[in-house]
Amino acid sequence: MTAKRSSGRTKVRIIRLKHAVGLPLPTYQSKGAAGLDLVAALDTQHPLTLAPGARALVPTGLVLELPSGYEAQVRPRSGLALNYGIAVLNSPGTIDSDYRGEVGVVLANLGHAPYEIRRGERIAQLVVHPVARAELIEAAAVSVTPRGNGGFGSTGKSGAARAKRSPKAGQKKKAMPPRSAKTKTASRPDGARKR
């Protein structure tokens, strides 16, 4: 299938599964929005509570048929991340054009308090994007650049600022706060314990 465009928009076929009936299809929330909002297709009587440090696969009740040459990226919502520490764990999650299963969102609670997700709550964004297919060519050497093999923040500081820092200053690791016994389980519909 080739990309079908109308009025500058790529056409994506979508199936709404039984547990998503009554929920809105993903929509752009503003004229300039890049992502369509995805909502949780949970049972009304069984919201999902994510304990701090827990993660869960949240169903959307949707199946997509993306045009060949496109992918859909599942990205976090900035408000959930900033205000509650709720993140899309494998961000961005990639939905390939040949995938025909339900779209699920892997949410993680990086905050300090339990967070309840209810049916119909906006949980992530879906960005449809063209992809380039690469052809890898094995070589004995690659071209030389001024950057060379510098990575992991090597371009983030000027030389003067880098020289002022001690070698160990950049090695300080951030730590998650200790978890109490109360936060070692995630409340999930299947009752499974977090390992």
C-alpha atoms as a PDB file:
ATOM      1  CA  MET A   1       0.000   0.000   0.000  1.00  0.00           C
ATOM      2  CA  THR A   2       1.307   3.467  -0.799  1.00  0.00           C
ATOM      3  CA  ALA A   3       0.654   6.510   1.343  1.00  0.00           C
ATOM      4  CA  LYS A   4      -2.769   7.987   0.684  1.00  0.00           C
ATOM      5  CA  ARG A   5      -2.803  11.746   1.188  1.00  0.00           C
ATOM      6  CA  SER A   6      -5.779  14.060   1.247  1.00  0.00           C
ATOM      7  CA  SER A   7      -5.584  17.713   2.214  1.00  0.00           C
ATOM      8  CA  GLY A   8      -1.972  17.175   3.304  1.00  0.00           C
ATOM      9  CA  ARG A   9      -2.872  14.274   5.629  1.00  0.00           C
ATOM     10  CA  THR A  10      -1.720  10.668   5.435  1.00  0.00           C
ATOM     11  CA  LYS A  11      -4.618   8.193   5.533  1.00  0.00           C
ATOM     12  CA  VAL A  12      -4.381   5.516   8.248  1.00  0.00           C
ATOM     13  CA  ARG A  13      -7.005   2.778   8.496  1.00  0.00           C
ATOM     14  CA  ILE A  14      -8.109   2.039  12.067  1.00  0.00           C
ATOM     15  CA  ILE A  15     -10.208  -0.651  13.753  1.00  0.00           C
ATOM     16  CA  ARG A  16     -11.884   0.036  17.075  1.00  0.00           C
ATOM     17  CA  LEU A  17     -11.941  -3.173  19.154  1.00  0.00           C
ATOM     18  CA  LYS A  18     -14.883  -4.114  21.370  1.00  0.00           C
ATOM     19  CA  HIS A  19     -13.342  -2.725  24.568  1.00  0.00           C
ATOM     20  CA  ALA A  20     -12.810   0.673  22.871  1.00  0.00           C
ATOM     21  CA  VAL A  21     -16.425   1.146  21.750  1.00  0.00           C
ATOM     22  CA  GLY A  22     -17.663   4.478  23.064  1.00  0.00           C
ATOM     23  CA  LEU A  23     -14.189   5.982  23.335  1.00  0.00           C
ATOM     24  CA  PRO A  24     -13.040   8.741  20.981  1.00  0.00           C
ATOM     25  CA  LEU A  25     -10.660   7.929  18.168  1.00  0.00           C
ATOM     26  CA  PRO A  26      -7.222   9.546  18.515  1.00  0.00           C
ATOM     27  CA  THR A  27      -7.450  13.252  17.716  1.00  0.00           C
ATOM     28  CA  TYR A  28      -5.176  16.261  17.366  1.00  0.00           C
ATOM     29  CA  GLN A  29      -5.889  18.691  20.203  1.00  0.00           C
ATOM     30  CA  SER A  30      -4.772  21.805  18.302  1.00  0.00           C
ATOM     31  CA  LYS A  31      -4.232  22.930  14.714  1.00  0.00           C
ATOM     32  CA  GLY A  32      -0.459  22.638  15.042  1.00  0.00           C
ATOM     33  CA  ALA A  33      -0.311  19.468  17.163  1.00  0.00           C
ATOM     34  CA  ALA A  34       2.103  16.800  15.885  1.00  0.00           C
ATOM     35  CA  GLY A  35       0.589  13.938  17.885  1.00  0.00           C
ATOM     36  CA  LEU A  36      -2.845  12.362  18.099  1.00  0.00           C
ATOM     37  CA  ASP A  37      -3.926  11.707  21.680  1.00  0.00           C
ATOM     38  CA  LEU A  38      -4.353   8.037  22.648  1.00  0.00           C
ATOM     39  CA  VAL A  39      -6.771   7.121  25.439  1.00  0.00           C
ATOM     40  CA  ALA A  40      -6.856   4.180  27.839  1.00  0.00           C
ATOM     41  CA  ALA A  41      -9.359   1.455  26.903  1.00  0.00           C
ATOM     42  CA  LEU A  42      -9.705   0.097  30.433  1.00  0.00           C
ATOM     43  CA  ASP A  43     -12.837  -1.299  32.043  1.00  0.00           C
ATOM     44  CA  THR A  44     -14.790   1.483  33.769  1.00  0.00           C
ATOM     45  CA  GLN A  45     -15.049  -0.639  36.916  1.00  0.00           C
ATOM     46  CA  HIS A  46     -11.335  -1.532  36.934  1.00  0.00           C
ATOM     47  CA  PRO A  47      -9.038   1.480  36.715  1.00  0.00           C
ATOM     48  CA  LEU A  48      -5.312   0.782  36.760  1.00  0.00           C
ATOM     49  CA  THR A  49      -3.214   2.088  39.641  1.00  0.00           C
ATOM     50  CA  LEU A  50       0.493   2.408  38.948  1.00  0.00           C
ATOM     51  CA  ALA A  51       2.574   2.386  42.116  1.00  0.00           C
ATOM     52  CA  PRO A  52       5.841   4.356  42.106  1.00  0.00           C
ATOM     53  CA  GLY A  53       8.402   2.357  40.123  1.00  0.00           C
ATOM     54  CA  ALA A  54       5.733   0.152  38.514  1.00  0.00           C
ATOM     55  CA  ARG A  55       5.009  -0.271  34.819  1.00  0.00           C
ATOM     56  CA  ALA A  56       2.085  -1.715  32.880  1.00  0.00           C
ATOM     57  CA  LEU A  57       0.868  -2.233  29.329  1.00  0.00           C
ATOM     58  CA  VAL A  58      -2.238  -0.071  28.900  1.00  0.00           C
ATOM     59  CA  PRO A  59      -4.616  -1.082  26.090  1.00  0.00           C
ATOM     60  CA  THR A  60      -5.975   1.435  23.592  1.00  0.00           C
ATOM     61  CA  GLY A  61      -8.457  -0.883  21.868  1.00  0.00           C
ATOM     62  CA  LEU A  62      -7.144   0.193  18.462  1.00  0.00           C
ATOM     63  CA  VAL A  63      -5.569  -1.627  15.505  1.00  0.00           C
ATOM     64  CA  LEU A  64      -3.814   0.478  12.852  1.00  0.00           C
ATOM     65  CA  GLU A  65      -3.020  -0.113   9.196  1.00  0.00           C
ATOM     66  CA  LEU A  66      -0.234   2.316   8.407  1.00  0.00           C
ATOM     67  CA  PRO A  67       0.757   2.936   4.794  1.00  0.00           C
ATOM     68  CA  SER A  68       3.990   1.324   3.631  1.00  0.00           C
ATOM     69  CA  GLY A  69       6.896   3.675   4.273  1.00  0.00           C
ATOM     70  CA  TYR A  70       5.387   5.038   7.490  1.00  0.00           C
ATOM     71  CA  GLU A  71       5.632   4.267  11.196  1.00  0.00           C
ATOM     72  CA  ALA A  72       3.689   5.493  14.207  1.00  0.00           C
ATOM     73  CA  GLN A  73       5.594   6.604  17.294  1.00  0.00           C
ATOM     74  CA  VAL A  74       4.027   6.373  20.750  1.00  0.00           C
ATOM     75  CA  ARG A  75       5.317   9.280  22.816  1.00  0.00           C
ATOM     76  CA  PRO A  76       4.671  10.491  26.365  1.00  0.00           C
ATOM     77  CA  ARG A  77       2.340  13.353  27.242  1.00  0.00           C
ATOM     78  CA  SER A  78       4.350  16.216  28.694  1.00  0.00           C
ATOM     79  CA  GLY A  79       1.758  17.085  31.347  1.00  0.00           C
ATOM     80  CA  LEU A  80       1.673  13.549  32.741  1.00  0.00           C
ATOM     81  CA  ALA A  81       5.464  13.418  32.763  1.00  0.00           C
ATOM     82  CA  LEU A  82       5.973  16.793  34.463  1.00  0.00           C
ATOM     83  CA  ASN A  83       3.115  16.687  36.955  1.00  0.00           C
ATOM     84  CA  TYR A  84       3.055  13.002  37.909  1.00  0.00           C
ATOM     85  CA  GLY A  85       6.210  11.330  36.564  1.00  0.00           C
ATOM     86  CA  ILE A  86       4.194   9.128  34.178  1.00  0.00           C
ATOM     87  CA  ALA A  87       6.333   8.164  31.181  1.00  0.00           C
ATOM     88  CA  VAL A  88       6.159   5.944  28.114  1.00  0.00           C
ATOM     89  CA  LEU A  89       8.883   3.486  29.073  1.00  0.00           C
ATOM     90  CA  ASN A  90      10.097   2.526  25.592  1.00  0.00           C
ATOM     91  CA  SER A  91       9.784   6.061  24.286  1.00  0.00           C
ATOM     92  CA  PRO A  92       9.219   6.436  21.502  1.00  0.00           C
ATOM     93  CA  GLY A  93       7.483   3.140  21.015  1.00  0.00           C
ATOM     94  CA  THR A  94       7.485   2.157  17.345  1.00  0.00           C
ATOM     95  CA  ILE A  95       4.494   0.738  15.503  1.00  0.00           C
ATOM     96  CA  ASP A  96       5.632  -0.741  12.196  1.00  0.00           C
ATOM     97  CA  SER A  97       3.498  -0.515   9.062  1.00  0.00           C
ATOM     98  CA  ASP A  98       3.029  -4.306   8.959  1.00  0.00           C
ATOM     99  CA  TYR A  99       1.910  -4.672  12.615  1.00  0.00           C
ATOM    100  CA  ARG A 100      -1.757  -5.615  12.919  1.00  0.00           C
ATOM    101  CA  GLY A 101      -2.193  -6.113  16.670  1.00  0.00           C
ATOM    102  CA  GLU A 102      -3.694  -3.838  19.277  1.00  0.00           C
ATOM    103  CA  VAL A 103      -1.749  -0.681  20.062  1.00  0.00           C
ATOM    104  CA  GLY A 104      -0.616  -0.816  23.686  1.00  0.00           C
ATOM    105  CA  VAL A 105       1.203   1.842  25.698  1.00  0.00           C
ATOM    106  CA  VAL A 106       3.904   0.828  28.194  1.00  0.00           C
ATOM    107  CA  LEU A 107       3.458   3.359  30.990  1.00  0.00           C
ATOM    108  CA  ALA A 108       5.827   3.687  33.948  1.00  0.00           C
ATOM    109  CA  ASN A 109       5.379   5.657  37.146  1.00  0.00           C
ATOM    110  CA  LEU A 110       8.645   7.475  37.815  1.00  0.00           C
ATOM    111  CA  GLY A 111       6.952   9.683  40.401  1.00  0.00           C
ATOM    112  CA  HIS A 112       6.656   9.359  44.165  1.00  0.00           C
ATOM    113  CA  ALA A 113       2.934   8.620  44.503  1.00  0.00           C
ATOM    114  CA  PRO A 114       0.539   6.026  43.055  1.00  0.00           C
ATOM    115  CA  TYR A 115      -1.224   7.196  39.893  1.00  0.00           C
ATOM    116  CA  GLU A 116      -4.663   5.990  38.813  1.00  0.00           C
ATOM    117  CA  ILE A 117      -5.458   5.600  35.119  1.00  0.00           C
ATOM    118  CA  ARG A 118      -9.140   5.539  34.221  1.00  0.00           C
ATOM    119  CA  ARG A 119     -11.037   4.601  31.073  1.00  0.00           C
ATOM    120  CA  GLY A 120     -10.881   7.348  28.462  1.00  0.00           C
ATOM    121  CA  GLU A 121      -7.924   9.157  30.038  1.00  0.00           C
ATOM    122  CA  ARG A 122      -5.415  10.567  27.540  1.00  0.00           C
ATOM    123  CA  ILE A 123      -2.235   8.578  28.171  1.00  0.00           C
ATOM    124  CA  ALA A 124       0.120   9.137  25.221  1.00  0.00           C
ATOM    125  CA  GLN A 125       0.547  10.717  21.807  1.00  0.00           C
ATOM    126  CA  LEU A 126       0.709   8.968  18.450  1.00  0.00           C
ATOM    127  CA  VAL A 127       2.904  10.582  15.773  1.00  0.00           C
ATOM    128  CA  VAL A 128       2.675   9.198  12.226  1.00  0.00           C
ATOM    129  CA  HIS A 129       5.950   9.696  10.409  1.00  0.00           C
ATOM    130  CA  PRO A 130       7.629   8.607   7.158  1.00  0.00           C
ATOM    131  CA  VAL A 131      10.640   6.317   7.517  1.00  0.00           C
ATOM    132  CA  ALA A 132      13.704   5.775   5.360  1.00  0.00           C
ATOM    133  CA  ARG A 133      14.858   2.226   4.661  1.00  0.00           C
ATOM    134  CA  ALA A 134      18.623   1.913   4.990  1.00  0.00           C
ATOM    135  CA  GLU A 135      20.992  -0.325   3.097  1.00  0.00           C
ATOM    136  CA  LEU A 136      24.012  -1.225   5.223  1.00  0.00           C
ATOM    137  CA  ILE A 137      27.331  -1.431   3.402  1.00  0.00           C
ATOM    138  CA  GLU A 138      30.127  -3.129   5.296  1.00  0.00           C
ATOM    139  CA  ALA A 139      33.395  -1.152   5.112  1.00  0.00           C
ATOM    140  CA  ALA A 140      36.954  -1.375   6.433  1.00  0.00           C
ATOM    141  CA  ALA A 141      36.899   2.279   7.573  1.00  0.00           C
ATOM    142  CA  VAL A 142      34.585   5.279   7.895  1.00  0.00           C
ATOM    143  CA  SER A 143      35.272   8.936   7.157  1.00  0.00           C
ATOM    144  CA  VAL A 144      37.057  11.090   9.738  1.00  0.00           C
ATOM    145  CA  THR A 145      35.161  13.991  11.382  1.00  0.00           C
ATOM    146  CA  PRO A 146      36.151  16.628  13.951  1.00  0.00           C
ATOM    147  CA  ARG A 147      33.859  14.924  16.484  1.00  0.00           C
ATOM    148  CA  GLY A 148      35.368  11.491  16.009  1.00  0.00           C
ATOM    149  CA  ASN A 149      34.073   8.939  18.513  1.00  0.00           C
ATOM    150  CA  GLY A 150      32.937  11.522  21.098  1.00  0.00           C
ATOM    151  CA  GLY A 151      29.524  10.647  22.457  1.00  0.00           C
ATOM    152  CA  PHE A 152      27.401  10.603  25.615  1.00  0.00           C
ATOM    153  CA  GLY A 153      27.329  14.371  26.107  1.00  0.00           C
ATOM    154  CA  SER A 154      30.670  15.115  24.484  1.00  0.00           C
ATOM    155  CA  THR A 155      29.188  17.974  22.426  1.00  0.00           C
ATOM    156  CA  GLY A 156      27.121  19.442  25.273  1.00  0.00           C
ATOM    157  CA  LYS A 157      29.752  21.671  26.936  1.00  0.00           C
ATOM    158  CA  SER A 158      32.210  24.216  25.609  1.00  0.00           C
ATOM    159  CA  GLY A 159      35.898  23.457  26.076  1.00  0.00           C
ATOM    160  CA  ALA A 160      36.273  26.134  28.789  1.00  0.00           C
ATOM    161  CA  ALA A 161      33.288  24.868  30.779  1.00  0.00           C
ATOM    162  CA  ARG A 162      34.494  21.270  30.444  1.00  0.00           C
ATOM    163  CA  ALA A 163      37.996  22.198  31.690  1.00  0.00           C
ATOM    164  CA  LYS A 164      36.570  23.783  34.878  1.00  0.00           C
ATOM    165  CA  ARG A 165      34.882  20.541  35.917  1.00  0.00           C
ATOM    166  CA  SER A 166      36.779  17.930  37.807  1.00  0.00           C
ATOM    167  CA  PRO A 167      36.995  14.497  36.139  1.00  0.00           C
ATOM    168  CA  LYS A 168      34.743  12.975  38.792  1.00  0.00           C
ATOM    169  CA  ALA A 169      32.108  15.726  38.677  1.00  0.00           C
ATOM    170  CA  GLY A 170      30.412  14.161  35.675  1.00  0.00           C
ATOM    171  CA  GLN A 171      30.356  10.707  37.273  1.00  0.00           C
ATOM    172  CA  LYS A 172      27.789  11.503  39.958  1.00  0.00           C
ATOM    173  CA  LYS A 173      24.846   9.168  39.493  1.00  0.00           C
ATOM    174  CA  LYS A 174      21.241  10.058  40.144  1.00  0.00           C
ATOM    175  CA  ALA A 175      19.405   7.639  42.381  1.00  0.00           C
ATOM    176  CA  MET A 176      15.751   6.827  42.703  1.00  0.00           C
ATOM    177  CA  PRO A 177      14.386   7.318  46.213  1.00  0.00           C
ATOM    178  CA  PRO A 178      14.163   4.099  48.238  1.00  0.00           C
ATOM    179  CA  ARG A 179      10.878   2.267  47.890  1.00  0.00           C
ATOM    180  CA  SER A 180       8.894   1.193  50.910  1.00  0.00           C
ATOM    181  CA  ALA A 181       7.261  -2.213  51.146  1.00  0.00           C
ATOM    182  CA  LYS A 182       3.944  -0.579  50.196  1.00  0.00           C
ATOM    183  CA  THR A 183       5.210   0.445  46.751  1.00  0.00           C
ATOM    184  CA  LYS A 184       6.613  -2.872  45.566  1.00  0.00           C
ATOM    185  CA  THR A 185       3.409  -3.988  43.877  1.00  0.00           C
ATOM    186  CA  ALA A 186       1.527  -2.479  40.988  1.00  0.00           C
ATOM    187  CA  SER A 187      -2.223  -2.684  41.112  1.00  0.00           C
ATOM    188  CA  ARG A 188      -3.092  -4.254  37.790  1.00  0.00           C
ATOM    189  CA  PRO A 189      -6.296  -5.780  36.448  1.00  0.00           C
ATOM    190  CA  ASP A 190      -4.708  -9.260  36.429  1.00  0.00           C
ATOM    191  CA  GLY A 191      -3.495  -8.918  40.039  1.00  0.00           C
ATOM    192  CA  ALA A 192       0.073  -9.798  39.066  1.00  0.00           C
ATOM    193  CA  ARG A 193       2.840  -8.624  41.366  1.00  0.00           C
ATOM    194  CA  LYS A 194       5.625  -6.410  40.112  1.00  0.00           C
ATOM    195  CA  ARG A 195       8.967  -8.233  40.145  1.00  0.00           C
END
